[in-house]
């Protein structure tokens, strides 16, 4: 398995190659899509991308954690976390390549 990371620049280049927009237009398109996704999540909306997966914000309540080094109990404050659930189509594609 490769340890590479896909960057915004690579996404922009892929849009440029596949769609044929200029590099600037491709960069603006990628930024617009990412901004729309993050804006929806900030507003508390779920984001579902067909054949890819869904993103949602989940609330985690306050709980007591433990420092593994000292064993001391530490309160963990309530927070929101981003969760991603892959679609069955994406899961099948991942497992085909394995």
PDB file of N, CA and C in Angstrom:
ATOM      1  N   UNK A   1       0.837  -1.174   0.000  1.00  0.00           N
ATOM      2  CA  UNK A   1       0.000   0.000   0.000  1.00  0.00           C
ATOM      3  C   UNK A   1       0.887   1.245   0.000  1.00  0.00           C
ATOM      4  N   UNK A   2       0.558   2.206  -0.822  1.00  0.00           N
ATOM      5  CA  UNK A   2       1.330   3.433  -0.974  1.00  0.00           C
ATOM      6  C   UNK A   2       1.048   4.389   0.177  1.00  0.00           C
ATOM      7  N   UNK A   3       2.057   5.142   0.577  1.00  0.00           N
ATOM      8  CA  UNK A   3       1.927   6.094   1.672  1.00  0.00           C
ATOM      9  C   UNK A   3       1.778   7.522   1.161  1.00  0.00           C
ATOM     10  N   UNK A   4       1.261   7.736  -0.051  1.00  0.00           N
ATOM     11  CA  UNK A   4       1.149   9.085  -0.590  1.00  0.00           C
ATOM     12  C   UNK A   4      -0.145   9.745  -0.140  1.00  0.00           C
ATOM     13  N   UNK A   5      -0.180  11.055  -0.253  1.00  0.00           N
ATOM     14  CA  UNK A   5      -1.339  11.851   0.132  1.00  0.00           C
ATOM     15  C   UNK A   5      -1.795  12.655  -1.073  1.00  0.00           C
ATOM     16  N   UNK A   6      -3.091  12.727  -1.292  1.00  0.00           N
ATOM     17  CA  UNK A   6      -3.639  13.540  -2.374  1.00  0.00           C
ATOM     18  C   UNK A   6      -3.797  14.964  -1.854  1.00  0.00           C
ATOM     19  N   UNK A   7      -3.244  15.920  -2.591  1.00  0.00           N
ATOM     20  CA  UNK A   7      -3.286  17.316  -2.176  1.00  0.00           C
ATOM     21  C   UNK A   7      -4.271  18.108  -3.027  1.00  0.00           C
ATOM     22  N   UNK A   8      -4.545  19.334  -2.610  1.00  0.00           N
ATOM     23  CA  UNK A   8      -5.408  20.219  -3.396  1.00  0.00           C
ATOM     24  C   UNK A   8      -4.813  20.443  -4.777  1.00  0.00           C
ATOM     25  N   UNK A   9      -3.512  20.594  -4.821  1.00  0.00           N
ATOM     26  CA  UNK A   9      -2.849  20.809  -6.114  1.00  0.00           C
ATOM     27  C   UNK A   9      -3.064  19.616  -7.040  1.00  0.00           C
ATOM     28  N   UNK A  10      -3.008  18.408  -6.495  1.00  0.00           N
ATOM     29  CA  UNK A  10      -3.239  17.220  -7.311  1.00  0.00           C
ATOM     30  C   UNK A  10      -4.694  17.131  -7.759  1.00  0.00           C
ATOM     31  N   UNK A  11      -5.627  17.492  -6.883  1.00  0.00           N
ATOM     32  CA  UNK A  11      -7.035  17.520  -7.274  1.00  0.00           C
ATOM     33  C   UNK A  11      -7.260  18.546  -8.378  1.00  0.00           C
ATOM     34  N   UNK A  12      -6.639  19.707  -8.230  1.00  0.00           N
ATOM     35  CA  UNK A  12      -6.740  20.749  -9.251  1.00  0.00           C
ATOM     36  C   UNK A  12      -6.194  20.260 -10.578  1.00  0.00           C
ATOM     37  N   UNK A  13      -5.057  19.602 -10.545  1.00  0.00           N
ATOM     38  CA  UNK A  13      -4.443  19.072 -11.771  1.00  0.00           C
ATOM     39  C   UNK A  13      -5.338  18.007 -12.412  1.00  0.00           C
ATOM     40  N   UNK A  14      -5.959  17.174 -11.596  1.00  0.00           N
ATOM     41  CA  UNK A  14      -6.858  16.138 -12.120  1.00  0.00           C
ATOM     42  C   UNK A  14      -8.067  16.771 -12.801  1.00  0.00           C
ATOM     43  N   UNK A  15      -8.630  17.815 -12.194  1.00  0.00           N
ATOM     44  CA  UNK A  15      -9.758  18.516 -12.822  1.00  0.00           C
ATOM     45  C   UNK A  15      -9.295  19.148 -14.126  1.00  0.00           C
ATOM     46  N   UNK A  16      -8.127  19.755 -14.105  1.00  0.00           N
ATOM     47  CA  UNK A  16      -7.566  20.372 -15.315  1.00  0.00           C
ATOM     48  C   UNK A  16      -7.427  19.342 -16.444  1.00  0.00           C
ATOM     49  N   UNK A  17      -6.897  18.163 -16.115  1.00  0.00           N
ATOM     50  CA  UNK A  17      -6.681  17.117 -17.120  1.00  0.00           C
ATOM     51  C   UNK A  17      -7.995  16.517 -17.625  1.00  0.00           C
ATOM     52  N   UNK A  18      -8.928  16.251 -16.710  1.00  0.00           N
ATOM     53  CA  UNK A  18     -10.162  15.545 -17.063  1.00  0.00           C
ATOM     54  C   UNK A  18     -11.229  16.441 -17.673  1.00  0.00           C
ATOM     55  N   UNK A  19     -11.392  17.641 -17.127  1.00  0.00           N
ATOM     56  CA  UNK A  19     -12.496  18.492 -17.531  1.00  0.00           C
ATOM     57  C   UNK A  19     -12.077  19.476 -18.623  1.00  0.00           C
ATOM     58  N   UNK A  20     -10.826  19.886 -18.597  1.00  0.00           N
ATOM     59  CA  UNK A  20     -10.355  20.804 -19.620  1.00  0.00           C
ATOM     60  C   UNK A  20     -10.502  22.268 -19.257  1.00  0.00           C
ATOM     61  N   UNK A  21     -10.811  22.563 -18.007  1.00  0.00           N
ATOM     62  CA  UNK A  21     -10.832  23.953 -17.566  1.00  0.00           C
ATOM     63  C   UNK A  21      -9.393  24.448 -17.462  1.00  0.00           C
ATOM     64  N   UNK A  22      -9.214  25.758 -17.374  1.00  0.00           N
ATOM     65  CA  UNK A  22      -7.873  26.286 -17.158  1.00  0.00           C
ATOM     66  C   UNK A  22      -7.416  25.885 -15.751  1.00  0.00           C
ATOM     67  N   UNK A  23      -6.139  26.036 -15.500  1.00  0.00           N
ATOM     68  CA  UNK A  23      -5.632  25.671 -14.165  1.00  0.00           C
ATOM     69  C   UNK A  23      -6.261  26.555 -13.090  1.00  0.00           C
ATOM     70  N   UNK A  24      -6.414  27.860 -13.388  1.00  0.00           N
ATOM     71  CA  UNK A  24      -7.041  28.763 -12.414  1.00  0.00           C
ATOM     72  C   UNK A  24      -8.501  28.385 -12.175  1.00  0.00           C
ATOM     73  N   UNK A  25      -9.234  28.093 -13.237  1.00  0.00           N
ATOM     74  CA  UNK A  25     -10.636  27.693 -13.090  1.00  0.00           C
ATOM     75  C   UNK A  25     -10.744  26.369 -12.343  1.00  0.00           C
ATOM     76  N   UNK A  26      -9.821  25.457 -12.599  1.00  0.00           N
ATOM     77  CA  UNK A  26      -9.808  24.169 -11.894  1.00  0.00           C
ATOM     78  C   UNK A  26      -9.564  24.377 -10.410  1.00  0.00           C
ATOM     79  N   UNK A  27      -8.622  25.251 -10.073  1.00  0.00           N
ATOM     80  CA  UNK A  27      -8.322  25.545  -8.670  1.00  0.00           C
ATOM     81  C   UNK A  27      -9.534  26.173  -7.992  1.00  0.00           C
ATOM     82  N   UNK A  28     -10.206  27.100  -8.686  1.00  0.00           N
ATOM     83  CA  UNK A  28     -11.403  27.730  -8.124  1.00  0.00           C
ATOM     84  C   UNK A  28     -12.518  26.716  -7.915  1.00  0.00           C
ATOM     85  N   UNK A  29     -12.661  25.787  -8.846  1.00  0.00           N
ATOM     86  CA  UNK A  29     -13.693  24.752  -8.725  1.00  0.00           C
ATOM     87  C   UNK A  29     -13.426  23.861  -7.516  1.00  0.00           C
ATOM     88  N   UNK A  30     -12.190  23.409  -7.362  1.00  0.00           N
ATOM     89  CA  UNK A  30     -11.828  22.558  -6.218  1.00  0.00           C
ATOM     90  C   UNK A  30     -12.071  23.321  -4.918  1.00  0.00           C
ATOM     91  N   UNK A  31     -11.645  24.581  -4.859  1.00  0.00           N
ATOM     92  CA  UNK A  31     -11.854  25.400  -3.656  1.00  0.00           C
ATOM     93  C   UNK A  31     -13.334  25.574  -3.359  1.00  0.00           C
ATOM     94  N   UNK A  32     -14.144  25.805  -4.394  1.00  0.00           N
ATOM     95  CA  UNK A  32     -15.589  25.987  -4.206  1.00  0.00           C
ATOM     96  C   UNK A  32     -16.235  24.727  -3.633  1.00  0.00           C
ATOM     97  N   UNK A  33     -15.859  23.574  -4.159  1.00  0.00           N
ATOM     98  CA  UNK A  33     -16.424  22.310  -3.673  1.00  0.00           C
ATOM     99  C   UNK A  33     -16.030  22.081  -2.209  1.00  0.00           C
ATOM    100  N   UNK A  34     -14.756  22.267  -1.894  1.00  0.00           N
ATOM    101  CA  UNK A  34     -14.297  22.058  -0.520  1.00  0.00           C
ATOM    102  C   UNK A  34     -14.941  23.063   0.439  1.00  0.00           C
ATOM    103  N   UNK A  35     -15.098  24.306  -0.009  1.00  0.00           N
ATOM    104  CA  UNK A  35     -15.728  25.331   0.818  1.00  0.00           C
ATOM    105  C   UNK A  35     -17.195  25.012   1.064  1.00  0.00           C
ATOM    106  N   UNK A  36     -17.895  24.513   0.049  1.00  0.00           N
ATOM    107  CA  UNK A  36     -19.296  24.144   0.206  1.00  0.00           C
ATOM    108  C   UNK A  36     -19.451  22.981   1.187  1.00  0.00           C
ATOM    109  N   UNK A  37     -18.576  21.992   1.086  1.00  0.00           N
ATOM    110  CA  UNK A  37     -18.615  20.851   2.004  1.00  0.00           C
ATOM    111  C   UNK A  37     -18.349  21.313   3.437  1.00  0.00           C
ATOM    112  N   UNK A  38     -17.278  22.083   3.637  1.00  0.00           N
ATOM    113  CA  UNK A  38     -16.948  22.521   5.000  1.00  0.00           C
ATOM    114  C   UNK A  38     -18.009  23.464   5.552  1.00  0.00           C
ATOM    115  N   UNK A  39     -18.574  24.330   4.705  1.00  0.00           N
ATOM    116  CA  UNK A  39     -19.635  25.227   5.163  1.00  0.00           C
ATOM    117  C   UNK A  39     -20.865  24.470   5.629  1.00  0.00           C
ATOM    118  N   UNK A  40     -21.253  23.447   4.883  1.00  0.00           N
ATOM    119  CA  UNK A  40     -22.405  22.632   5.272  1.00  0.00           C
ATOM    120  C   UNK A  40     -22.145  21.937   6.605  1.00  0.00           C
ATOM    121  N   UNK A  41     -20.942  21.425   6.786  1.00  0.00           N
ATOM    122  CA  UNK A  41     -20.613  20.744   8.045  1.00  0.00           C
ATOM    123  C   UNK A  41     -20.619  21.717   9.214  1.00  0.00           C
ATOM    124  N   UNK A  42     -20.106  22.925   9.006  1.00  0.00           N
ATOM    125  CA  UNK A  42     -20.116  23.941  10.062  1.00  0.00           C
ATOM    126  C   UNK A  42     -21.549  24.293  10.453  1.00  0.00           C
ATOM    127  N   UNK A  43     -22.447  24.326   9.475  1.00  0.00           N
ATOM    128  CA  UNK A  43     -23.863  24.610   9.751  1.00  0.00           C
ATOM    129  C   UNK A  43     -24.584  23.430  10.400  1.00  0.00           C
ATOM    130  N   UNK A  44     -23.895  22.315  10.557  1.00  0.00           N
ATOM    131  CA  UNK A  44     -24.495  21.145  11.196  1.00  0.00           C
ATOM    132  C   UNK A  44     -25.211  20.224  10.236  1.00  0.00           C
ATOM    133  N   UNK A  45     -25.039  20.435   8.940  1.00  0.00           N
ATOM    134  CA  UNK A  45     -25.685  19.598   7.940  1.00  0.00           C
ATOM    135  C   UNK A  45     -24.803  18.398   7.609  1.00  0.00           C
ATOM    136  N   UNK A  46     -25.420  17.290   7.256  1.00  0.00           N
ATOM    137  CA  UNK A  46     -24.666  16.127   6.788  1.00  0.00           C
ATOM    138  C   UNK A  46     -24.374  16.333   5.307  1.00  0.00           C
ATOM    139  N   UNK A  47     -23.265  15.801   4.834  1.00  0.00           N
ATOM    140  CA  UNK A  47     -22.892  15.894   3.422  1.00  0.00           C
ATOM    141  C   UNK A  47     -22.821  14.473   2.876  1.00  0.00           C
ATOM    142  N   UNK A  48     -23.651  14.189   1.867  1.00  0.00           N
ATOM    143  CA  UNK A  48     -23.661  12.863   1.258  1.00  0.00           C
ATOM    144  C   UNK A  48     -23.239  13.000  -0.195  1.00  0.00           C
ATOM    145  N   UNK A  49     -22.219  12.246  -0.571  1.00  0.00           N
ATOM    146  CA  UNK A  49     -21.735  12.232  -1.946  1.00  0.00           C
ATOM    147  C   UNK A  49     -21.994  10.830  -2.479  1.00  0.00           C
ATOM    148  N   UNK A  50     -22.893  10.747  -3.441  1.00  0.00           N
ATOM    149  CA  UNK A  50     -23.304   9.462  -3.987  1.00  0.00           C
ATOM    150  C   UNK A  50     -22.111   8.649  -4.462  1.00  0.00           C
ATOM    151  N   UNK A  51     -22.104   7.377  -4.160  1.00  0.00           N
ATOM    152  CA  UNK A  51     -21.049   6.416  -4.526  1.00  0.00           C
ATOM    153  C   UNK A  51     -19.707   6.711  -3.882  1.00  0.00           C
ATOM    154  N   UNK A  52     -19.682   7.631  -2.924  1.00  0.00           N
ATOM    155  CA  UNK A  52     -18.434   7.939  -2.219  1.00  0.00           C
ATOM    156  C   UNK A  52     -18.613   7.743  -0.728  1.00  0.00           C
ATOM    157  N   UNK A  53     -19.503   8.522  -0.120  1.00  0.00           N
ATOM    158  CA  UNK A  53     -19.729   8.375   1.306  1.00  0.00           C
ATOM    159  C   UNK A  53     -20.409   9.590   1.884  1.00  0.00           C
ATOM    160  N   UNK A  54     -20.507   9.635   3.204  1.00  0.00           N
ATOM    161  CA  UNK A  54     -21.158  10.763   3.861  1.00  0.00           C
ATOM    162  C   UNK A  54     -20.294  11.258   5.021  1.00  0.00           C
ATOM    163  N   UNK A  55     -20.340  12.575   5.191  1.00  0.00           N
ATOM    164  CA  UNK A  55     -19.657  13.248   6.285  1.00  0.00           C
ATOM    165  C   UNK A  55     -20.715  13.783   7.227  1.00  0.00           C
ATOM    166  N   UNK A  56     -20.464  13.728   8.514  1.00  0.00           N
ATOM    167  CA  UNK A  56     -21.404  14.271   9.490  1.00  0.00           C
ATOM    168  C   UNK A  56     -20.640  14.713  10.728  1.00  0.00           C
ATOM    169  N   UNK A  57     -21.270  15.582  11.490  1.00  0.00           N
ATOM    170  CA  UNK A  57     -20.710  16.037  12.756  1.00  0.00           C
ATOM    171  C   UNK A  57     -21.408  15.265  13.868  1.00  0.00           C
ATOM    172  N   UNK A  58     -20.624  14.740  14.786  1.00  0.00           N
ATOM    173  CA  UNK A  58     -21.177  13.994  15.920  1.00  0.00           C
ATOM    174  C   UNK A  58     -20.757  14.679  17.213  1.00  0.00           C
ATOM    175  N   UNK A  59     -21.673  14.771  18.139  1.00  0.00           N
ATOM    176  CA  UNK A  59     -21.392  15.378  19.444  1.00  0.00           C
ATOM    177  C   UNK A  59     -20.876  14.295  20.391  1.00  0.00           C
ATOM    178  N   UNK A  60     -19.767  14.587  21.033  1.00  0.00           N
ATOM    179  CA  UNK A  60     -19.251  13.671  22.056  1.00  0.00           C
ATOM    180  C   UNK A  60     -19.415  14.352  23.403  1.00  0.00           C
ATOM    181  N   UNK A  61     -19.958  13.632  24.351  1.00  0.00           N
ATOM    182  CA  UNK A  61     -20.200  14.198  25.673  1.00  0.00           C
ATOM    183  C   UNK A  61     -18.937  14.233  26.527  1.00  0.00           C
ATOM    184  N   UNK A  62     -19.067  14.900  27.650  1.00  0.00           N
ATOM    185  CA  UNK A  62     -17.947  14.966  28.590  1.00  0.00           C
ATOM    186  C   UNK A  62     -17.727  13.586  29.203  1.00  0.00           C
ATOM    187  N   UNK A  63     -16.477  13.276  29.432  1.00  0.00           N
ATOM    188  CA  UNK A  63     -16.165  11.987  30.057  1.00  0.00           C
ATOM    189  C   UNK A  63     -14.847  12.118  30.803  1.00  0.00           C
ATOM    190  N   UNK A  64     -14.559  11.098  31.565  1.00  0.00           N
ATOM    191  CA  UNK A  64     -13.304  11.065  32.310  1.00  0.00           C
ATOM    192  C   UNK A  64     -12.304  10.204  31.550  1.00  0.00           C
ATOM    193  N   UNK A  65     -11.147  10.766  31.282  1.00  0.00           N
ATOM    194  CA  UNK A  65     -10.076  10.024  30.640  1.00  0.00           C
ATOM    195  C   UNK A  65      -8.974   9.764  31.650  1.00  0.00           C
ATOM    196  N   UNK A  66      -7.970   9.052  31.218  1.00  0.00           N
ATOM    197  CA  UNK A  66      -6.878   8.722  32.132  1.00  0.00           C
ATOM    198  C   UNK A  66      -5.552   8.952  31.415  1.00  0.00           C
ATOM    199  N   UNK A  67      -4.644   9.658  32.080  1.00  0.00           N
ATOM    200  CA  UNK A  67      -3.299   9.852  31.557  1.00  0.00           C
ATOM    201  C   UNK A  67      -2.587   8.504  31.613  1.00  0.00           C
ATOM    202  N   UNK A  68      -2.205   7.935  30.463  1.00  0.00           N
ATOM    203  CA  UNK A  68      -1.610   6.595  30.473  1.00  0.00           C
ATOM    204  C   UNK A  68      -0.264   6.527  31.190  1.00  0.00           C
ATOM    205  N   UNK A  69       0.417   7.640  31.260  1.00  0.00           N
ATOM    206  CA  UNK A  69       1.735   7.644  31.907  1.00  0.00           C
ATOM    207  C   UNK A  69       1.621   7.651  33.428  1.00  0.00           C
ATOM    208  N   UNK A  70       0.715   8.515  33.935  1.00  0.00           N
ATOM    209  CA  UNK A  70       0.615   8.670  35.388  1.00  0.00           C
ATOM    210  C   UNK A  70      -0.590   7.972  35.992  1.00  0.00           C
ATOM    211  N   UNK A  71      -1.579   7.644  35.175  1.00  0.00           N
ATOM    212  CA  UNK A  71      -2.801   7.040  35.684  1.00  0.00           C
ATOM    213  C   UNK A  71      -3.771   8.061  36.248  1.00  0.00           C
ATOM    214  N   UNK A  72      -3.409   9.342  36.192  1.00  0.00           N
ATOM    215  CA  UNK A  72      -4.251  10.403  36.729  1.00  0.00           C
ATOM    216  C   UNK A  72      -5.512  10.573  35.871  1.00  0.00           C
ATOM    217  N   UNK A  73      -6.663  10.741  36.543  1.00  0.00           N
ATOM    218  CA  UNK A  73      -7.907  10.964  35.826  1.00  0.00           C
ATOM    219  C   UNK A  73      -7.974  12.414  35.367  1.00  0.00           C
ATOM    220  N   UNK A  74      -8.427  12.601  34.120  1.00  0.00           N
ATOM    221  CA  UNK A  74      -8.504  13.931  33.530  1.00  0.00           C
ATOM    222  C   UNK A  74      -9.858  14.069  32.847  1.00  0.00           C
ATOM    223  N   UNK A  75     -10.585  15.184  33.103  1.00  0.00           N
ATOM    224  CA  UNK A  75     -11.862  15.356  32.409  1.00  0.00           C
ATOM    225  C   UNK A  75     -11.627  15.713  30.932  1.00  0.00           C
ATOM    226  N   UNK A  76     -12.384  15.073  30.056  1.00  0.00           N
ATOM    227  CA  UNK A  76     -12.345  15.390  28.627  1.00  0.00           C
ATOM    228  C   UNK A  76     -13.624  16.152  28.329  1.00  0.00           C
ATOM    229  N   UNK A  77     -13.486  17.374  27.852  1.00  0.00           N
ATOM    230  CA  UNK A  77     -14.625  18.251  27.628  1.00  0.00           C
ATOM    231  C   UNK A  77     -15.475  17.782  26.447  1.00  0.00           C
ATOM    232  N   UNK A  78     -16.763  18.160  26.449  1.00  0.00           N
ATOM    233  CA  UNK A  78     -17.620  17.804  25.309  1.00  0.00           C
ATOM    234  C   UNK A  78     -17.093  18.484  24.042  1.00  0.00           C
ATOM    235  N   UNK A  79     -17.259  17.818  22.911  1.00  0.00           N
ATOM    236  CA  UNK A  79     -16.764  18.387  21.654  1.00  0.00           C
ATOM    237  C   UNK A  79     -17.506  17.776  20.482  1.00  0.00           C
ATOM    238  N   UNK A  80     -17.288  18.387  19.331  1.00  0.00           N
ATOM    239  CA  UNK A  80     -17.855  17.871  18.092  1.00  0.00           C
ATOM    240  C   UNK A  80     -16.727  17.216  17.309  1.00  0.00           C
ATOM    241  N   UNK A  81     -17.042  16.099  16.650  1.00  0.00           N
ATOM    242  CA  UNK A  81     -16.051  15.412  15.837  1.00  0.00           C
ATOM    243  C   UNK A  81     -16.641  15.148  14.456  1.00  0.00           C
ATOM    244  N   UNK A  82     -15.782  15.135  13.466  1.00  0.00           N
ATOM    245  CA  UNK A  82     -16.184  14.838  12.100  1.00  0.00           C
ATOM    246  C   UNK A  82     -16.083  13.341  11.872  1.00  0.00           C
ATOM    247  N   UNK A  83     -17.141  12.755  11.332  1.00  0.00           N
ATOM    248  CA  UNK A  83     -17.126  11.328  11.024  1.00  0.00           C
ATOM    249  C   UNK A  83     -17.390  11.146   9.531  1.00  0.00           C
ATOM    250  N   UNK A  84     -16.743  10.157   8.959  1.00  0.00           N
ATOM    251  CA  UNK A  84     -16.940   9.816   7.559  1.00  0.00           C
ATOM    252  C   UNK A  84     -17.366   8.373   7.479  1.00  0.00           C
ATOM    253  N   UNK A  85     -18.396   8.122   6.694  1.00  0.00           N
ATOM    254  CA  UNK A  85     -18.852   6.754   6.485  1.00  0.00           C
ATOM    255  C   UNK A  85     -18.811   6.482   4.985  1.00  0.00           C
ATOM    256  N   UNK A  86     -17.970   5.546   4.592  1.00  0.00           N
ATOM    257  CA  UNK A  86     -17.809   5.223   3.172  1.00  0.00           C
ATOM    258  C   UNK A  86     -19.044   4.509   2.646  1.00  0.00           C
ATOM    259  N   UNK A  87     -19.383   4.775   1.381  1.00  0.00           N
ATOM    260  CA  UNK A  87     -20.508   4.090   0.756  1.00  0.00           C
ATOM    261  C   UNK A  87     -20.107   2.655   0.433  1.00  0.00           C
ATOM    262  N   UNK A  88     -21.099   1.820   0.201  1.00  0.00           N
ATOM    263  CA  UNK A  88     -20.790   0.427  -0.149  1.00  0.00           C
ATOM    264  C   UNK A  88     -20.044   0.362  -1.484  1.00  0.00           C
ATOM    265  N   UNK A  89     -20.315   1.309  -2.389  1.00  0.00           N
ATOM    266  CA  UNK A  89     -19.617   1.335  -3.683  1.00  0.00           C
ATOM    267  C   UNK A  89     -18.123   1.583  -3.468  1.00  0.00           C
ATOM    268  N   UNK A  90     -17.794   2.561  -2.619  1.00  0.00           N
ATOM    269  CA  UNK A  90     -16.391   2.865  -2.333  1.00  0.00           C
ATOM    270  C   UNK A  90     -15.720   1.694  -1.617  1.00  0.00           C
ATOM    271  N   UNK A  91     -16.423   1.086  -0.676  1.00  0.00           N
ATOM    272  CA  UNK A  91     -15.865  -0.063   0.042  1.00  0.00           C
ATOM    273  C   UNK A  91     -15.551  -1.204  -0.919  1.00  0.00           C
ATOM    274  N   UNK A  92     -16.449  -1.440  -1.879  1.00  0.00           N
ATOM    275  CA  UNK A  92     -16.206  -2.502  -2.867  1.00  0.00           C
ATOM    276  C   UNK A  92     -14.991  -2.190  -3.725  1.00  0.00           C
ATOM    277  N   UNK A  93     -14.852  -0.932  -4.153  1.00  0.00           N
ATOM    278  CA  UNK A  93     -13.688  -0.522  -4.966  1.00  0.00           C
ATOM    279  C   UNK A  93     -12.397  -0.720  -4.177  1.00  0.00           C
ATOM    280  N   UNK A  94     -12.412  -0.363  -2.907  1.00  0.00           N
ATOM    281  CA  UNK A  94     -11.207  -0.520  -2.071  1.00  0.00           C
ATOM    282  C   UNK A  94     -10.855  -1.986  -1.934  1.00  0.00           C
ATOM    283  N   UNK A  95     -11.856  -2.834  -1.725  1.00  0.00           N
ATOM    284  CA  UNK A  95     -11.600  -4.256  -1.536  1.00  0.00           C
ATOM    285  C   UNK A  95     -11.235  -4.972  -2.830  1.00  0.00           C
ATOM    286  N   UNK A  96     -11.661  -4.453  -3.974  1.00  0.00           N
ATOM    287  CA  UNK A  96     -11.267  -5.034  -5.263  1.00  0.00           C
ATOM    288  C   UNK A  96      -9.761  -4.895  -5.479  1.00  0.00           C
ATOM    289  N   UNK A  97      -9.212  -3.763  -5.071  1.00  0.00           N
ATOM    290  CA  UNK A  97      -7.786  -3.515  -5.303  1.00  0.00           C
ATOM    291  C   UNK A  97      -6.894  -4.209  -4.290  1.00  0.00           C
ATOM    292  N   UNK A  98      -7.477  -4.761  -3.244  1.00  0.00           N
ATOM    293  CA  UNK A  98      -6.676  -5.418  -2.198  1.00  0.00           C
ATOM    294  C   UNK A  98      -6.248  -6.809  -2.611  1.00  0.00           C
TER     295      UNK A  98
END
